[in-house]
Amino acid sequence: MVTLVLTVQVIQFMLKNIAQYLEVVLVGLAVETLKAVRIITDIIDKKAATVGYEFQLSATGNITVDAQTFPTNSTAGTFSTLLGNGTLTGWLVFPNAALNADQADEFSTDAVQGAKVVIVRNGLVEAFSSNEGLLQLVVGNVTYERAGASTWNSAVNIAGFTTTVQVYAFDRTSRTSSAAWVYKGNF
């Protein structure tokens, strides 16, 4: 069971942003929308004992699973070129040292600074971790799993630094649901 809880403050913030957007986009309708938002806000404010609303994911939806395996497209000789031109795919492990700032700049996001595992698909970083022993990583509704033994293990050049990298294929499994969020009550 998945439950979503929204506080009164979050709902008021969302309503305010919707009203501001409508005011910019649809000036004529915005006045009426702002009146409606004020009325809703007044109703929420009058329910002083209510601090939030609870929604539950309906059990009637269908779950769709998309599972794919991504072999690496690199070798020790092509790694730096594929990284540089944004076409690298693989589960990359840096066993000797985490990526420094210069090395991180070579990836699609420099947020990988400090990472010892980087999962890259078609040049885009999909996930990363500072735990080099990681065999599985869950990000939202997507699960990444290191698949099998290392495809290759060698020293490569990343941003002028000689870096040992172990490269693996990986499985990517995403799950989505057609279920709807159903209002369960307030608290």
N, C-alpha and C. Protein backbone atom coordinates (compact mmCIF):
# COMPACT_ATOMS: atom_id res chain seq x y z
N MET A 1 0.84 -1.16 0.00
CA MET A 1 0.00 0.00 0.00
C MET A 1 0.90 1.24 0.00
N VAL A 2 0.60 2.17 -0.88
CA VAL A 2 1.34 3.42 -0.97
C VAL A 2 0.40 4.52 -0.54
N THR A 3 0.86 5.38 0.36
CA THR A 3 0.04 6.47 0.86
C THR A 3 0.74 7.80 0.62
N LEU A 4 0.00 8.79 0.16
CA LEU A 4 0.52 10.13 -0.07
C LEU A 4 -0.14 11.05 0.93
N VAL A 5 0.64 11.81 1.67
CA VAL A 5 0.12 12.73 2.66
C VAL A 5 0.49 14.14 2.26
N LEU A 6 -0.52 15.01 2.16
CA LEU A 6 -0.29 16.42 1.82
C LEU A 6 -0.73 17.28 2.99
N THR A 7 0.12 18.18 3.43
CA THR A 7 -0.26 19.09 4.50
C THR A 7 -1.03 20.25 3.92
N VAL A 8 -1.75 20.95 4.78
CA VAL A 8 -2.51 22.11 4.36
C VAL A 8 -1.59 23.14 3.71
N GLN A 9 -0.40 23.32 4.28
CA GLN A 9 0.54 24.29 3.73
C GLN A 9 0.96 23.92 2.30
N VAL A 10 1.16 22.64 2.04
CA VAL A 10 1.55 22.20 0.70
C VAL A 10 0.42 22.45 -0.28
N ILE A 11 -0.80 22.14 0.11
CA ILE A 11 -1.95 22.36 -0.78
C ILE A 11 -2.12 23.84 -1.05
N GLN A 12 -2.00 24.68 -0.02
CA GLN A 12 -2.13 26.12 -0.23
C GLN A 12 -1.03 26.63 -1.16
N PHE A 13 0.18 26.13 -1.01
CA PHE A 13 1.29 26.52 -1.88
C PHE A 13 0.99 26.13 -3.32
N MET A 14 0.49 24.90 -3.51
CA MET A 14 0.16 24.43 -4.86
C MET A 14 -0.94 25.29 -5.47
N LEU A 15 -1.98 25.61 -4.71
CA LEU A 15 -3.07 26.43 -5.22
C LEU A 15 -2.57 27.83 -5.60
N LYS A 16 -1.70 28.38 -4.78
CA LYS A 16 -1.16 29.72 -5.05
C LYS A 16 -0.36 29.70 -6.35
N ASN A 17 0.46 28.67 -6.55
CA ASN A 17 1.26 28.58 -7.77
C ASN A 17 0.38 28.39 -9.00
N ILE A 18 -0.67 27.59 -8.87
CA ILE A 18 -1.59 27.41 -9.99
C ILE A 18 -2.25 28.73 -10.34
N ALA A 19 -2.68 29.45 -9.33
CA ALA A 19 -3.33 30.74 -9.57
C ALA A 19 -2.37 31.73 -10.23
N GLN A 20 -1.12 31.76 -9.79
CA GLN A 20 -0.15 32.66 -10.39
C GLN A 20 0.12 32.28 -11.83
N TYR A 21 0.18 31.00 -12.13
CA TYR A 21 0.40 30.55 -13.50
C TYR A 21 -0.78 30.96 -14.37
N LEU A 22 -1.98 30.72 -13.89
CA LEU A 22 -3.16 31.07 -14.66
C LEU A 22 -3.27 32.58 -14.86
N GLU A 23 -2.85 33.32 -13.87
CA GLU A 23 -2.90 34.78 -13.98
C GLU A 23 -2.01 35.26 -15.12
N VAL A 24 -0.86 34.62 -15.29
CA VAL A 24 0.05 34.99 -16.37
C VAL A 24 -0.47 34.50 -17.72
N VAL A 25 -0.96 33.28 -17.76
CA VAL A 25 -1.35 32.65 -19.03
C VAL A 25 -2.73 33.09 -19.50
N LEU A 26 -3.68 33.10 -18.62
CA LEU A 26 -5.07 33.40 -18.98
C LEU A 26 -5.59 34.54 -18.12
N VAL A 27 -5.23 35.74 -18.47
CA VAL A 27 -5.53 36.90 -17.61
C VAL A 27 -7.02 37.02 -17.33
N GLY A 28 -7.88 36.87 -18.34
CA GLY A 28 -9.32 37.01 -18.14
C GLY A 28 -9.88 35.97 -17.18
N LEU A 29 -9.43 34.74 -17.33
CA LEU A 29 -9.93 33.66 -16.48
C LEU A 29 -9.26 33.65 -15.11
N ALA A 30 -8.13 34.31 -15.01
CA ALA A 30 -7.37 34.28 -13.76
C ALA A 30 -8.13 34.92 -12.62
N VAL A 31 -8.89 35.97 -12.91
CA VAL A 31 -9.65 36.65 -11.85
C VAL A 31 -10.64 35.68 -11.23
N GLU A 32 -11.39 34.95 -12.08
CA GLU A 32 -12.34 33.97 -11.57
C GLU A 32 -11.62 32.84 -10.83
N THR A 33 -10.47 32.41 -11.37
CA THR A 33 -9.71 31.35 -10.74
C THR A 33 -9.19 31.80 -9.38
N LEU A 34 -8.70 33.03 -9.30
CA LEU A 34 -8.21 33.55 -8.02
C LEU A 34 -9.33 33.59 -6.98
N LYS A 35 -10.54 33.95 -7.42
CA LYS A 35 -11.68 33.94 -6.50
C LYS A 35 -11.93 32.53 -5.99
N ALA A 36 -11.88 31.56 -6.90
CA ALA A 36 -12.10 30.17 -6.50
C ALA A 36 -11.00 29.69 -5.55
N VAL A 37 -9.76 30.07 -5.83
CA VAL A 37 -8.65 29.70 -4.95
C VAL A 37 -8.84 30.31 -3.58
N ARG A 38 -9.25 31.57 -3.53
CA ARG A 38 -9.49 32.22 -2.23
C ARG A 38 -10.59 31.51 -1.46
N ILE A 39 -11.65 31.12 -2.16
CA ILE A 39 -12.75 30.40 -1.50
C ILE A 39 -12.24 29.07 -0.94
N ILE A 40 -11.48 28.32 -1.75
CA ILE A 40 -10.93 27.04 -1.28
C ILE A 40 -10.00 27.26 -0.10
N THR A 41 -9.14 28.29 -0.21
CA THR A 41 -8.22 28.60 0.89
C THR A 41 -8.99 28.97 2.15
N ASP A 42 -10.07 29.74 1.99
CA ASP A 42 -10.89 30.10 3.15
C ASP A 42 -11.50 28.86 3.80
N ILE A 43 -11.97 27.94 2.97
CA ILE A 43 -12.55 26.70 3.51
C ILE A 43 -11.49 25.92 4.27
N ILE A 44 -10.29 25.81 3.69
CA ILE A 44 -9.20 25.08 4.35
C ILE A 44 -8.84 25.77 5.66
N ASP A 45 -8.74 27.10 5.63
CA ASP A 45 -8.37 27.85 6.84
C ASP A 45 -9.40 27.67 7.95
N LYS A 46 -10.69 27.56 7.59
CA LYS A 46 -11.75 27.42 8.59
C LYS A 46 -11.71 26.06 9.27
N LYS A 47 -11.11 25.06 8.60
CA LYS A 47 -10.98 23.74 9.20
C LYS A 47 -9.67 23.71 9.99
N ALA A 48 -9.61 24.49 11.03
CA ALA A 48 -8.37 24.67 11.78
C ALA A 48 -7.81 23.36 12.32
N ALA A 49 -8.67 22.41 12.62
CA ALA A 49 -8.19 21.15 13.18
C ALA A 49 -7.53 20.27 12.11
N THR A 50 -7.75 20.60 10.85
CA THR A 50 -7.17 19.79 9.76
C THR A 50 -5.76 20.28 9.47
N VAL A 51 -4.80 19.36 9.56
CA VAL A 51 -3.41 19.73 9.25
C VAL A 51 -2.92 19.08 7.96
N GLY A 52 -3.67 18.12 7.42
CA GLY A 52 -3.24 17.47 6.19
C GLY A 52 -4.31 16.57 5.62
N TYR A 53 -4.05 16.06 4.45
CA TYR A 53 -4.97 15.19 3.74
C TYR A 53 -4.23 13.92 3.35
N GLU A 54 -4.93 12.80 3.38
CA GLU A 54 -4.30 11.51 3.08
C GLU A 54 -4.90 10.92 1.81
N PHE A 55 -4.02 10.50 0.92
CA PHE A 55 -4.43 9.83 -0.31
C PHE A 55 -3.76 8.46 -0.34
N GLN A 56 -4.44 7.49 -0.93
CA GLN A 56 -3.90 6.14 -1.03
C GLN A 56 -3.93 5.70 -2.49
N LEU A 57 -2.90 4.98 -2.90
CA LEU A 57 -2.84 4.48 -4.26
C LEU A 57 -3.85 3.35 -4.41
N SER A 58 -4.75 3.50 -5.35
CA SER A 58 -5.81 2.53 -5.59
C SER A 58 -5.24 1.16 -5.94
N ALA A 59 -5.91 0.12 -5.50
CA ALA A 59 -5.44 -1.24 -5.78
C ALA A 59 -5.96 -1.75 -7.13
N THR A 60 -6.67 -0.91 -7.86
CA THR A 60 -7.29 -1.36 -9.11
C THR A 60 -6.39 -1.20 -10.33
N GLY A 61 -5.28 -0.52 -10.21
CA GLY A 61 -4.41 -0.28 -11.37
C GLY A 61 -3.58 -1.49 -11.75
N ASN A 62 -3.08 -1.45 -12.95
CA ASN A 62 -2.20 -2.51 -13.43
C ASN A 62 -0.75 -2.05 -13.33
N ILE A 63 0.12 -2.95 -12.93
CA ILE A 63 1.54 -2.64 -12.85
C ILE A 63 2.21 -3.12 -14.13
N THR A 64 2.98 -2.23 -14.72
CA THR A 64 3.72 -2.56 -15.94
C THR A 64 5.20 -2.63 -15.59
N VAL A 65 5.86 -3.70 -16.00
CA VAL A 65 7.28 -3.89 -15.73
C VAL A 65 8.04 -3.86 -17.06
N ASP A 66 9.07 -3.04 -17.10
CA ASP A 66 9.93 -2.96 -18.29
C ASP A 66 11.34 -3.32 -17.85
N ALA A 67 11.81 -4.49 -18.24
CA ALA A 67 13.15 -4.98 -17.86
C ALA A 67 14.03 -5.07 -19.09
N GLN A 68 15.21 -4.46 -19.01
CA GLN A 68 16.16 -4.49 -20.12
C GLN A 68 17.56 -4.70 -19.59
N THR A 69 18.39 -5.36 -20.38
CA THR A 69 19.79 -5.53 -20.04
C THR A 69 20.61 -4.65 -20.98
N PHE A 70 21.57 -3.92 -20.40
CA PHE A 70 22.43 -3.04 -21.18
C PHE A 70 23.88 -3.50 -21.07
N PRO A 71 24.39 -4.13 -22.11
CA PRO A 71 25.81 -4.47 -22.11
C PRO A 71 26.63 -3.20 -22.33
N THR A 72 27.85 -3.19 -21.85
CA THR A 72 28.68 -2.02 -22.11
C THR A 72 29.04 -1.96 -23.58
N ASN A 73 29.24 -0.78 -24.07
CA ASN A 73 29.64 -0.61 -25.46
C ASN A 73 31.11 -0.21 -25.57
N SER A 74 31.85 -0.36 -24.46
CA SER A 74 33.23 0.12 -24.44
C SER A 74 34.24 -1.00 -24.21
N THR A 75 35.47 -0.67 -24.54
CA THR A 75 36.63 -1.48 -24.19
C THR A 75 37.61 -0.51 -23.54
N ALA A 76 38.69 -1.01 -23.03
CA ALA A 76 39.69 -0.12 -22.42
C ALA A 76 40.18 0.91 -23.44
N GLY A 77 40.25 0.52 -24.71
CA GLY A 77 40.74 1.41 -25.75
C GLY A 77 39.73 2.46 -26.20
N THR A 78 38.42 2.20 -26.00
CA THR A 78 37.40 3.15 -26.47
C THR A 78 36.71 3.91 -25.35
N PHE A 79 37.00 3.57 -24.10
CA PHE A 79 36.31 4.15 -22.96
C PHE A 79 36.35 5.68 -22.98
N SER A 80 37.55 6.26 -23.05
CA SER A 80 37.69 7.72 -22.97
C SER A 80 36.99 8.42 -24.13
N THR A 81 37.05 7.84 -25.31
CA THR A 81 36.39 8.43 -26.48
C THR A 81 34.88 8.41 -26.31
N LEU A 82 34.33 7.27 -25.89
CA LEU A 82 32.88 7.15 -25.69
C LEU A 82 32.40 8.07 -24.57
N LEU A 83 33.19 8.19 -23.51
CA LEU A 83 32.83 9.11 -22.42
C LEU A 83 32.84 10.54 -22.94
N GLY A 84 33.85 10.89 -23.70
CA GLY A 84 33.99 12.24 -24.22
C GLY A 84 32.91 12.64 -25.20
N ASN A 85 32.46 11.70 -26.04
CA ASN A 85 31.43 12.06 -27.01
C ASN A 85 30.01 11.74 -26.53
N GLY A 86 29.87 11.33 -25.27
CA GLY A 86 28.54 11.14 -24.67
C GLY A 86 27.77 9.94 -25.17
N THR A 87 28.45 8.84 -25.44
CA THR A 87 27.75 7.64 -25.92
C THR A 87 28.06 6.40 -25.09
N LEU A 88 28.73 6.57 -23.98
CA LEU A 88 29.14 5.45 -23.13
C LEU A 88 27.94 4.80 -22.45
N THR A 89 27.96 3.47 -22.36
CA THR A 89 26.96 2.71 -21.60
C THR A 89 27.70 1.70 -20.74
N GLY A 90 27.31 1.61 -19.45
CA GLY A 90 27.90 0.61 -18.58
C GLY A 90 27.71 0.93 -17.11
N TRP A 91 27.93 -0.09 -16.29
CA TRP A 91 27.96 0.04 -14.83
C TRP A 91 29.44 0.18 -14.51
N LEU A 92 29.88 1.35 -14.10
CA LEU A 92 31.29 1.65 -13.91
C LEU A 92 31.64 1.65 -12.43
N VAL A 93 32.67 0.92 -12.08
CA VAL A 93 33.14 0.88 -10.69
C VAL A 93 34.57 1.42 -10.67
N PHE A 94 34.82 2.37 -9.77
CA PHE A 94 36.16 2.95 -9.60
C PHE A 94 36.68 2.48 -8.25
N PRO A 95 37.39 1.33 -8.22
CA PRO A 95 37.74 0.68 -6.95
C PRO A 95 38.84 1.38 -6.16
N ASN A 96 39.72 2.11 -6.80
CA ASN A 96 40.87 2.68 -6.09
C ASN A 96 40.59 4.04 -5.47
N ALA A 97 39.78 4.84 -6.13
CA ALA A 97 39.50 6.18 -5.61
C ALA A 97 38.20 6.69 -6.21
N ALA A 98 37.49 7.49 -5.43
CA ALA A 98 36.26 8.12 -5.93
C ALA A 98 36.62 9.16 -6.98
N LEU A 99 35.68 9.49 -7.82
CA LEU A 99 35.91 10.49 -8.87
C LEU A 99 36.14 11.87 -8.26
N ASN A 100 37.16 12.58 -8.76
CA ASN A 100 37.39 13.95 -8.29
C ASN A 100 36.59 14.92 -9.15
N ALA A 101 36.67 16.21 -8.84
CA ALA A 101 35.87 17.22 -9.53
C ALA A 101 36.18 17.27 -11.03
N ASP A 102 37.45 17.17 -11.40
CA ASP A 102 37.81 17.21 -12.82
C ASP A 102 37.27 16.00 -13.56
N GLN A 103 37.37 14.83 -12.94
CA GLN A 103 36.85 13.62 -13.57
C GLN A 103 35.32 13.68 -13.69
N ALA A 104 34.67 14.20 -12.65
CA ALA A 104 33.21 14.30 -12.66
C ALA A 104 32.72 15.20 -13.80
N ASP A 105 33.50 16.21 -14.15
CA ASP A 105 33.13 17.11 -15.24
C ASP A 105 33.02 16.39 -16.58
N GLU A 106 33.65 15.25 -16.72
CA GLU A 106 33.62 14.50 -17.98
C GLU A 106 32.29 13.76 -18.18
N PHE A 107 31.52 13.60 -17.11
CA PHE A 107 30.24 12.90 -17.19
C PHE A 107 29.11 13.89 -17.47
N SER A 108 27.91 13.38 -17.75
CA SER A 108 26.78 14.24 -18.08
C SER A 108 26.33 15.10 -16.90
N THR A 109 26.74 14.75 -15.70
CA THR A 109 26.49 15.58 -14.52
C THR A 109 27.70 15.52 -13.62
N ASP A 110 28.12 16.69 -13.13
CA ASP A 110 29.28 16.68 -12.23
C ASP A 110 28.89 16.30 -10.81
N ALA A 111 27.62 15.92 -10.62
CA ALA A 111 27.17 15.42 -9.31
C ALA A 111 27.84 14.10 -8.96
N VAL A 112 28.48 13.45 -9.93
CA VAL A 112 29.14 12.18 -9.66
C VAL A 112 30.46 12.35 -8.92
N GLN A 113 30.84 13.58 -8.62
CA GLN A 113 32.06 13.79 -7.83
C GLN A 113 31.92 13.03 -6.51
N GLY A 114 32.91 12.22 -6.18
CA GLY A 114 32.87 11.41 -4.97
C GLY A 114 32.28 10.03 -5.17
N ALA A 115 31.78 9.77 -6.37
CA ALA A 115 31.16 8.46 -6.65
C ALA A 115 32.21 7.40 -6.94
N LYS A 116 31.90 6.17 -6.53
CA LYS A 116 32.74 5.02 -6.87
C LYS A 116 32.00 4.06 -7.79
N VAL A 117 30.68 4.28 -7.95
CA VAL A 117 29.87 3.55 -8.92
C VAL A 117 29.08 4.57 -9.71
N VAL A 118 29.13 4.46 -11.04
CA VAL A 118 28.36 5.35 -11.91
C VAL A 118 27.67 4.46 -12.96
N ILE A 119 26.37 4.63 -13.09
CA ILE A 119 25.60 3.87 -14.08
C ILE A 119 25.26 4.84 -15.21
N VAL A 120 25.77 4.52 -16.40
CA VAL A 120 25.63 5.40 -17.56
C VAL A 120 24.93 4.63 -18.67
N ARG A 121 23.93 5.28 -19.27
CA ARG A 121 23.22 4.68 -20.42
C ARG A 121 23.17 5.71 -21.53
N ASN A 122 23.75 5.37 -22.67
CA ASN A 122 23.79 6.27 -23.83
C ASN A 122 24.37 7.64 -23.46
N GLY A 123 25.39 7.64 -22.63
CA GLY A 123 26.08 8.86 -22.27
C GLY A 123 25.49 9.62 -21.10
N LEU A 124 24.31 9.27 -20.65
CA LEU A 124 23.66 9.98 -19.55
C LEU A 124 23.78 9.19 -18.25
N VAL A 125 24.21 9.88 -17.20
CA VAL A 125 24.29 9.24 -15.89
C VAL A 125 22.87 9.02 -15.38
N GLU A 126 22.55 7.77 -15.07
CA GLU A 126 21.22 7.46 -14.55
C GLU A 126 21.22 7.31 -13.03
N ALA A 127 22.35 6.90 -12.47
CA ALA A 127 22.45 6.73 -11.02
C ALA A 127 23.92 6.64 -10.66
N PHE A 128 24.21 6.90 -9.38
CA PHE A 128 25.59 6.77 -8.90
C PHE A 128 25.58 6.58 -7.40
N SER A 129 26.71 6.09 -6.88
CA SER A 129 26.81 5.80 -5.45
C SER A 129 28.27 5.88 -5.03
N SER A 130 28.49 6.14 -3.76
CA SER A 130 29.85 6.13 -3.22
C SER A 130 30.25 4.76 -2.70
N ASN A 131 29.33 3.77 -2.79
CA ASN A 131 29.58 2.42 -2.30
C ASN A 131 30.01 1.53 -3.46
N GLU A 132 31.32 1.23 -3.53
CA GLU A 132 31.83 0.46 -4.67
C GLU A 132 31.38 -0.99 -4.68
N GLY A 133 30.94 -1.53 -3.56
CA GLY A 133 30.50 -2.92 -3.50
C GLY A 133 29.05 -3.11 -3.88
N LEU A 134 28.40 -2.04 -4.27
CA LEU A 134 26.98 -2.07 -4.60
C LEU A 134 26.69 -3.00 -5.77
N LEU A 135 25.68 -3.87 -5.60
CA LEU A 135 25.26 -4.77 -6.67
C LEU A 135 23.88 -4.39 -7.22
N GLN A 136 23.14 -3.59 -6.45
CA GLN A 136 21.80 -3.16 -6.85
C GLN A 136 21.57 -1.75 -6.32
N LEU A 137 20.89 -0.94 -7.12
CA LEU A 137 20.59 0.43 -6.72
C LEU A 137 19.16 0.75 -7.14
N VAL A 138 18.35 1.21 -6.20
CA VAL A 138 16.96 1.56 -6.49
C VAL A 138 16.83 3.07 -6.48
N VAL A 139 16.31 3.62 -7.57
CA VAL A 139 16.08 5.06 -7.69
C VAL A 139 14.63 5.24 -8.12
N GLY A 140 13.77 5.65 -7.17
CA GLY A 140 12.35 5.80 -7.48
C GLY A 140 11.74 4.47 -7.87
N ASN A 141 11.15 4.42 -9.06
CA ASN A 141 10.52 3.19 -9.52
C ASN A 141 11.43 2.38 -10.45
N VAL A 142 12.73 2.70 -10.47
CA VAL A 142 13.68 2.01 -11.33
C VAL A 142 14.72 1.29 -10.47
N THR A 143 14.96 0.01 -10.80
CA THR A 143 15.97 -0.78 -10.11
C THR A 143 17.10 -1.09 -11.09
N TYR A 144 18.32 -0.79 -10.67
CA TYR A 144 19.50 -1.11 -11.46
C TYR A 144 20.22 -2.25 -10.78
N GLU A 145 20.66 -3.25 -11.56
CA GLU A 145 21.40 -4.37 -11.01
C GLU A 145 22.62 -4.65 -11.87
N ARG A 146 23.76 -4.79 -11.19
CA ARG A 146 24.97 -5.15 -11.91
C ARG A 146 24.80 -6.56 -12.44
N ALA A 147 25.07 -6.74 -13.73
CA ALA A 147 24.81 -8.04 -14.37
C ALA A 147 26.12 -8.78 -14.63
N GLY A 148 26.29 -9.88 -13.94
CA GLY A 148 27.41 -10.77 -14.21
C GLY A 148 28.78 -10.24 -13.83
N ALA A 149 29.79 -10.91 -14.36
CA ALA A 149 31.18 -10.57 -14.07
C ALA A 149 31.60 -9.35 -14.88
N SER A 150 32.69 -8.75 -14.45
CA SER A 150 33.22 -7.57 -15.13
C SER A 150 33.51 -7.87 -16.59
N THR A 151 33.06 -7.00 -17.48
CA THR A 151 33.34 -7.14 -18.90
C THR A 151 34.82 -6.86 -19.16
N TRP A 152 35.33 -5.82 -18.51
CA TRP A 152 36.77 -5.52 -18.56
C TRP A 152 37.16 -4.67 -17.37
N ASN A 153 38.45 -4.67 -17.08
CA ASN A 153 39.00 -3.99 -15.91
C ASN A 153 40.37 -3.47 -16.32
N SER A 154 40.54 -2.13 -16.30
CA SER A 154 41.80 -1.58 -16.79
C SER A 154 41.97 -0.15 -16.28
N ALA A 155 43.14 0.40 -16.50
CA ALA A 155 43.39 1.81 -16.21
C ALA A 155 43.05 2.62 -17.45
N VAL A 156 42.30 3.71 -17.26
CA VAL A 156 41.91 4.59 -18.36
C VAL A 156 42.25 6.03 -17.98
N ASN A 157 42.19 6.90 -18.96
CA ASN A 157 42.45 8.32 -18.72
C ASN A 157 41.12 9.06 -18.65
N ILE A 158 40.87 9.68 -17.50
CA ILE A 158 39.68 10.52 -17.34
C ILE A 158 40.16 11.89 -16.88
N ALA A 159 40.02 12.89 -17.73
CA ALA A 159 40.40 14.28 -17.44
C ALA A 159 41.87 14.39 -17.05
N GLY A 160 42.72 13.59 -17.67
CA GLY A 160 44.14 13.66 -17.40
C GLY A 160 44.61 12.82 -16.23
N PHE A 161 43.71 12.10 -15.60
CA PHE A 161 44.04 11.26 -14.46
C PHE A 161 43.95 9.80 -14.87
N THR A 162 44.98 9.02 -14.56
CA THR A 162 44.94 7.59 -14.81
C THR A 162 44.08 6.97 -13.72
N THR A 163 43.01 6.28 -14.14
CA THR A 163 41.99 5.80 -13.22
C THR A 163 41.67 4.36 -13.53
N THR A 164 41.67 3.51 -12.51
CA THR A 164 41.26 2.13 -12.70
C THR A 164 39.74 2.06 -12.72
N VAL A 165 39.21 1.37 -13.71
CA VAL A 165 37.76 1.23 -13.82
C VAL A 165 37.43 -0.23 -14.13
N GLN A 166 36.38 -0.72 -13.49
CA GLN A 166 35.83 -2.04 -13.79
C GLN A 166 34.48 -1.78 -14.44
N VAL A 167 34.25 -2.38 -15.59
CA VAL A 167 33.04 -2.10 -16.35
C VAL A 167 32.18 -3.36 -16.45
N TYR A 168 30.89 -3.19 -16.17
CA TYR A 168 29.93 -4.29 -16.16
C TYR A 168 28.74 -3.95 -17.05
N ALA A 169 28.03 -4.96 -17.48
CA ALA A 169 26.70 -4.79 -18.06
C ALA A 169 25.74 -4.56 -16.88
N PHE A 170 24.55 -4.05 -17.15
CA PHE A 170 23.59 -3.88 -16.06
C PHE A 170 22.17 -4.12 -16.56
N ASP A 171 21.31 -4.51 -15.60
CA ASP A 171 19.88 -4.67 -15.86
C ASP A 171 19.16 -3.44 -15.32
N ARG A 172 18.20 -2.96 -16.07
CA ARG A 172 17.39 -1.80 -15.65
C ARG A 172 15.93 -2.24 -15.69
N THR A 173 15.26 -2.20 -14.53
CA THR A 173 13.86 -2.61 -14.43
C THR A 173 13.05 -1.45 -13.89
N SER A 174 12.07 -1.01 -14.67
CA SER A 174 11.19 0.06 -14.20
C SER A 174 9.78 -0.48 -14.01
N ARG A 175 9.10 0.05 -13.02
CA ARG A 175 7.74 -0.37 -12.72
C ARG A 175 6.85 0.87 -12.69
N THR A 176 5.73 0.79 -13.40
CA THR A 176 4.76 1.88 -13.38
C THR A 176 3.39 1.29 -13.09
N SER A 177 2.51 2.12 -12.58
CA SER A 177 1.18 1.67 -12.22
C SER A 177 0.15 2.62 -12.82
N SER A 178 -0.96 2.05 -13.28
CA SER A 178 -2.06 2.88 -13.79
C SER A 178 -3.05 3.22 -12.68
N ALA A 179 -2.73 2.85 -11.46
CA ALA A 179 -3.63 3.11 -10.33
C ALA A 179 -3.74 4.61 -10.07
N ALA A 180 -4.88 5.00 -9.54
CA ALA A 180 -5.14 6.42 -9.24
C ALA A 180 -4.99 6.67 -7.74
N TRP A 181 -4.66 7.92 -7.39
CA TRP A 181 -4.62 8.32 -5.99
C TRP A 181 -6.06 8.62 -5.54
N VAL A 182 -6.47 8.01 -4.43
CA VAL A 182 -7.84 8.14 -3.92
C VAL A 182 -7.79 8.86 -2.58
N TYR A 183 -8.66 9.87 -2.42
CA TYR A 183 -8.75 10.62 -1.18
C TYR A 183 -9.26 9.72 -0.06
N LYS A 184 -8.54 9.66 1.05
CA LYS A 184 -8.92 8.79 2.17
C LYS A 184 -9.43 9.57 3.38
N GLY A 185 -9.09 10.84 3.47
CA GLY A 185 -9.57 11.63 4.60
C GLY A 185 -8.56 12.70 4.97
N ASN A 186 -8.90 13.42 6.03
CA ASN A 186 -7.97 14.43 6.52
C ASN A 186 -7.60 14.12 7.94
N PHE A 187 -6.57 14.82 8.41
CA PHE A 187 -6.12 14.61 9.78
C PHE A 187 -5.68 15.93 10.37
